[in-house]
Amino acid sequence: MKAKEFDKKFNNNEDISQYIDISKAKRPQQEQKRVNVDFPLWMIRQLDKEAKRLGVPRQSIIKVWVAERLKKAS
């Protein structure tokens, strides 16, 4: 399929999934790297309390809050 035909299908909201090899897809700047961080017990308790209130894992709270802080700092 030529790029023009692909673009036309995409622009017409047609299903183009059969033309895409997602096994090689990458999300730029989204690679993961594991880090270990030690928190005081009181912080863990507060994080768990907030995570439970929102119905999400503790890690999600930490990621969102760190991302928000980094966005403000830049």
N, C-alpha and C. Protein backbone atom coordinates (compact mmCIF):
# COMPACT_ATOMS: atom_id res chain seq x y z
N MET A 1 0.85 -1.17 0.00
CA MET A 1 0.00 0.00 0.00
C MET A 1 0.90 1.24 0.00
N LYS A 2 0.54 2.18 -0.78
CA LYS A 2 1.29 3.43 -0.87
C LYS A 2 0.90 4.34 0.29
N ALA A 3 1.80 5.23 0.64
CA ALA A 3 1.59 6.13 1.78
C ALA A 3 0.34 6.99 1.61
N LYS A 4 0.09 7.44 0.39
CA LYS A 4 -1.09 8.29 0.15
C LYS A 4 -2.39 7.53 0.46
N GLU A 5 -2.43 6.26 0.04
CA GLU A 5 -3.62 5.45 0.29
C GLU A 5 -3.78 5.19 1.80
N PHE A 6 -2.65 4.91 2.47
CA PHE A 6 -2.66 4.70 3.92
C PHE A 6 -3.17 5.95 4.62
N ASP A 7 -2.62 7.10 4.26
CA ASP A 7 -3.04 8.37 4.88
C ASP A 7 -4.52 8.64 4.65
N LYS A 8 -5.00 8.32 3.45
CA LYS A 8 -6.41 8.54 3.13
C LYS A 8 -7.30 7.68 4.04
N LYS A 9 -6.93 6.41 4.21
CA LYS A 9 -7.69 5.52 5.08
C LYS A 9 -7.67 6.06 6.52
N PHE A 10 -6.50 6.47 6.97
CA PHE A 10 -6.36 7.01 8.33
C PHE A 10 -7.24 8.25 8.50
N ASN A 11 -7.14 9.17 7.56
CA ASN A 11 -7.91 10.42 7.64
C ASN A 11 -9.41 10.19 7.57
N ASN A 12 -9.83 9.10 6.94
CA ASN A 12 -11.25 8.76 6.84
C ASN A 12 -11.71 7.89 8.03
N ASN A 13 -10.86 7.79 9.05
CA ASN A 13 -11.16 7.00 10.27
C ASN A 13 -11.42 5.53 9.96
N GLU A 14 -10.79 5.01 8.91
CA GLU A 14 -10.91 3.59 8.60
C GLU A 14 -9.94 2.81 9.48
N ASP A 15 -10.24 1.53 9.68
CA ASP A 15 -9.38 0.66 10.48
C ASP A 15 -8.11 0.36 9.69
N ILE A 16 -6.98 0.83 10.18
CA ILE A 16 -5.70 0.63 9.50
C ILE A 16 -4.81 -0.36 10.25
N SER A 17 -5.35 -0.98 11.29
CA SER A 17 -4.54 -1.85 12.14
C SER A 17 -3.92 -3.02 11.38
N GLN A 18 -4.57 -3.50 10.35
CA GLN A 18 -4.02 -4.62 9.60
C GLN A 18 -2.78 -4.23 8.80
N TYR A 19 -2.54 -2.95 8.63
CA TYR A 19 -1.40 -2.47 7.85
C TYR A 19 -0.20 -2.06 8.72
N ILE A 20 -0.36 -2.20 10.03
CA ILE A 20 0.67 -1.73 10.96
C ILE A 20 1.29 -2.91 11.70
N ASP A 21 2.61 -2.94 11.76
CA ASP A 21 3.33 -3.96 12.54
C ASP A 21 3.64 -3.36 13.91
N ILE A 22 2.75 -3.59 14.87
CA ILE A 22 2.94 -2.98 16.19
C ILE A 22 4.00 -3.67 17.03
N SER A 23 4.52 -4.80 16.57
CA SER A 23 5.56 -5.50 17.32
C SER A 23 6.84 -4.66 17.40
N LYS A 24 7.00 -3.72 16.49
CA LYS A 24 8.19 -2.88 16.47
C LYS A 24 7.91 -1.45 16.92
N ALA A 25 6.69 -1.21 17.36
CA ALA A 25 6.32 0.15 17.77
C ALA A 25 7.02 0.54 19.07
N LYS A 26 7.39 1.80 19.16
CA LYS A 26 8.02 2.34 20.36
C LYS A 26 7.37 3.67 20.70
N ARG A 27 7.34 3.98 21.97
CA ARG A 27 6.83 5.26 22.43
C ARG A 27 8.04 6.11 22.82
N PRO A 28 8.36 7.13 22.05
CA PRO A 28 9.53 7.95 22.35
C PRO A 28 9.50 8.52 23.77
N GLN A 29 10.63 8.48 24.41
CA GLN A 29 10.81 9.00 25.76
C GLN A 29 9.97 8.27 26.81
N GLN A 30 9.51 7.06 26.50
CA GLN A 30 8.69 6.30 27.44
C GLN A 30 9.34 4.99 27.87
N GLU A 31 10.62 4.79 27.54
CA GLU A 31 11.30 3.59 27.98
C GLU A 31 11.31 3.56 29.50
N GLN A 32 11.22 2.37 30.06
CA GLN A 32 11.16 2.23 31.52
C GLN A 32 12.53 1.85 32.08
N LYS A 33 12.83 2.36 33.25
CA LYS A 33 14.04 1.99 33.99
C LYS A 33 13.65 1.89 35.45
N ARG A 34 13.93 0.76 36.04
CA ARG A 34 13.58 0.54 37.44
C ARG A 34 14.57 1.26 38.36
N VAL A 35 14.03 1.94 39.36
CA VAL A 35 14.85 2.58 40.38
C VAL A 35 14.30 2.19 41.75
N ASN A 36 15.17 2.16 42.72
CA ASN A 36 14.76 1.87 44.09
C ASN A 36 14.82 3.15 44.91
N VAL A 37 13.76 3.42 45.62
CA VAL A 37 13.69 4.61 46.47
C VAL A 37 13.22 4.17 47.85
N ASP A 38 13.91 4.61 48.87
CA ASP A 38 13.50 4.30 50.23
C ASP A 38 12.68 5.45 50.78
N PHE A 39 11.49 5.13 51.31
CA PHE A 39 10.61 6.13 51.90
C PHE A 39 10.43 5.82 53.38
N PRO A 40 10.28 6.84 54.20
CA PRO A 40 9.93 6.59 55.60
C PRO A 40 8.55 5.92 55.67
N LEU A 41 8.34 5.17 56.73
CA LEU A 41 7.09 4.43 56.88
C LEU A 41 5.87 5.33 56.86
N TRP A 42 5.97 6.53 57.43
CA TRP A 42 4.81 7.42 57.43
C TRP A 42 4.42 7.83 56.02
N MET A 43 5.42 7.98 55.13
CA MET A 43 5.11 8.32 53.74
C MET A 43 4.42 7.16 53.03
N ILE A 44 4.91 5.95 53.27
CA ILE A 44 4.30 4.76 52.67
C ILE A 44 2.84 4.66 53.10
N ARG A 45 2.58 4.89 54.37
CA ARG A 45 1.19 4.83 54.86
C ARG A 45 0.32 5.88 54.18
N GLN A 46 0.83 7.09 54.04
CA GLN A 46 0.06 8.14 53.38
C GLN A 46 -0.15 7.84 51.90
N LEU A 47 0.89 7.34 51.25
CA LEU A 47 0.77 6.95 49.84
C LEU A 47 -0.27 5.85 49.67
N ASP A 48 -0.22 4.86 50.54
CA ASP A 48 -1.18 3.76 50.46
C ASP A 48 -2.61 4.23 50.72
N LYS A 49 -2.74 5.15 51.65
CA LYS A 49 -4.07 5.69 51.96
C LYS A 49 -4.64 6.43 50.74
N GLU A 50 -3.82 7.25 50.11
CA GLU A 50 -4.27 8.01 48.93
C GLU A 50 -4.51 7.07 47.75
N ALA A 51 -3.65 6.08 47.58
CA ALA A 51 -3.83 5.12 46.49
C ALA A 51 -5.14 4.34 46.67
N LYS A 52 -5.42 3.94 47.88
CA LYS A 52 -6.67 3.22 48.15
C LYS A 52 -7.88 4.11 47.88
N ARG A 53 -7.78 5.37 48.28
CA ARG A 53 -8.88 6.30 48.08
C ARG A 53 -9.18 6.47 46.58
N LEU A 54 -8.14 6.51 45.76
CA LEU A 54 -8.29 6.69 44.33
C LEU A 54 -8.48 5.37 43.58
N GLY A 55 -8.22 4.25 44.25
CA GLY A 55 -8.37 2.95 43.62
C GLY A 55 -7.29 2.63 42.62
N VAL A 56 -6.07 3.08 42.92
CA VAL A 56 -4.93 2.83 42.03
C VAL A 56 -3.76 2.27 42.85
N PRO A 57 -2.78 1.66 42.21
CA PRO A 57 -1.60 1.18 42.94
C PRO A 57 -0.73 2.33 43.46
N ARG A 58 0.00 2.06 44.49
CA ARG A 58 0.92 3.05 45.08
C ARG A 58 1.86 3.62 44.02
N GLN A 59 2.38 2.75 43.16
CA GLN A 59 3.34 3.19 42.15
C GLN A 59 2.73 4.25 41.24
N SER A 60 1.46 4.13 40.94
CA SER A 60 0.80 5.12 40.08
C SER A 60 0.78 6.49 40.73
N ILE A 61 0.48 6.54 42.01
CA ILE A 61 0.48 7.82 42.75
C ILE A 61 1.87 8.45 42.69
N ILE A 62 2.87 7.65 42.94
CA ILE A 62 4.24 8.17 42.96
C ILE A 62 4.61 8.71 41.58
N LYS A 63 4.31 7.97 40.52
CA LYS A 63 4.65 8.41 39.16
C LYS A 63 3.95 9.72 38.80
N VAL A 64 2.67 9.79 39.11
CA VAL A 64 1.91 11.00 38.77
C VAL A 64 2.45 12.20 39.53
N TRP A 65 2.68 12.04 40.84
CA TRP A 65 3.15 13.17 41.64
C TRP A 65 4.55 13.62 41.23
N VAL A 66 5.43 12.69 40.94
CA VAL A 66 6.78 13.05 40.49
C VAL A 66 6.69 13.76 39.14
N ALA A 67 5.87 13.24 38.23
CA ALA A 67 5.72 13.86 36.92
C ALA A 67 5.18 15.28 37.04
N GLU A 68 4.19 15.48 37.91
CA GLU A 68 3.63 16.83 38.11
C GLU A 68 4.70 17.78 38.64
N ARG A 69 5.49 17.31 39.57
CA ARG A 69 6.54 18.17 40.16
C ARG A 69 7.61 18.51 39.12
N LEU A 70 8.00 17.54 38.32
CA LEU A 70 9.00 17.78 37.29
C LEU A 70 8.48 18.74 36.22
N LYS A 71 7.21 18.63 35.91
CA LYS A 71 6.60 19.53 34.92
C LYS A 71 6.63 20.97 35.43
N LYS A 72 6.34 21.15 36.73
CA LYS A 72 6.38 22.49 37.32
C LYS A 72 7.79 23.05 37.32
N ALA A 73 8.77 22.18 37.54
CA ALA A 73 10.16 22.63 37.66
C ALA A 73 10.77 23.01 36.32
N SER A 74 10.20 22.53 35.23
CA SER A 74 10.83 22.81 33.94
C SER A 74 10.22 23.99 33.23
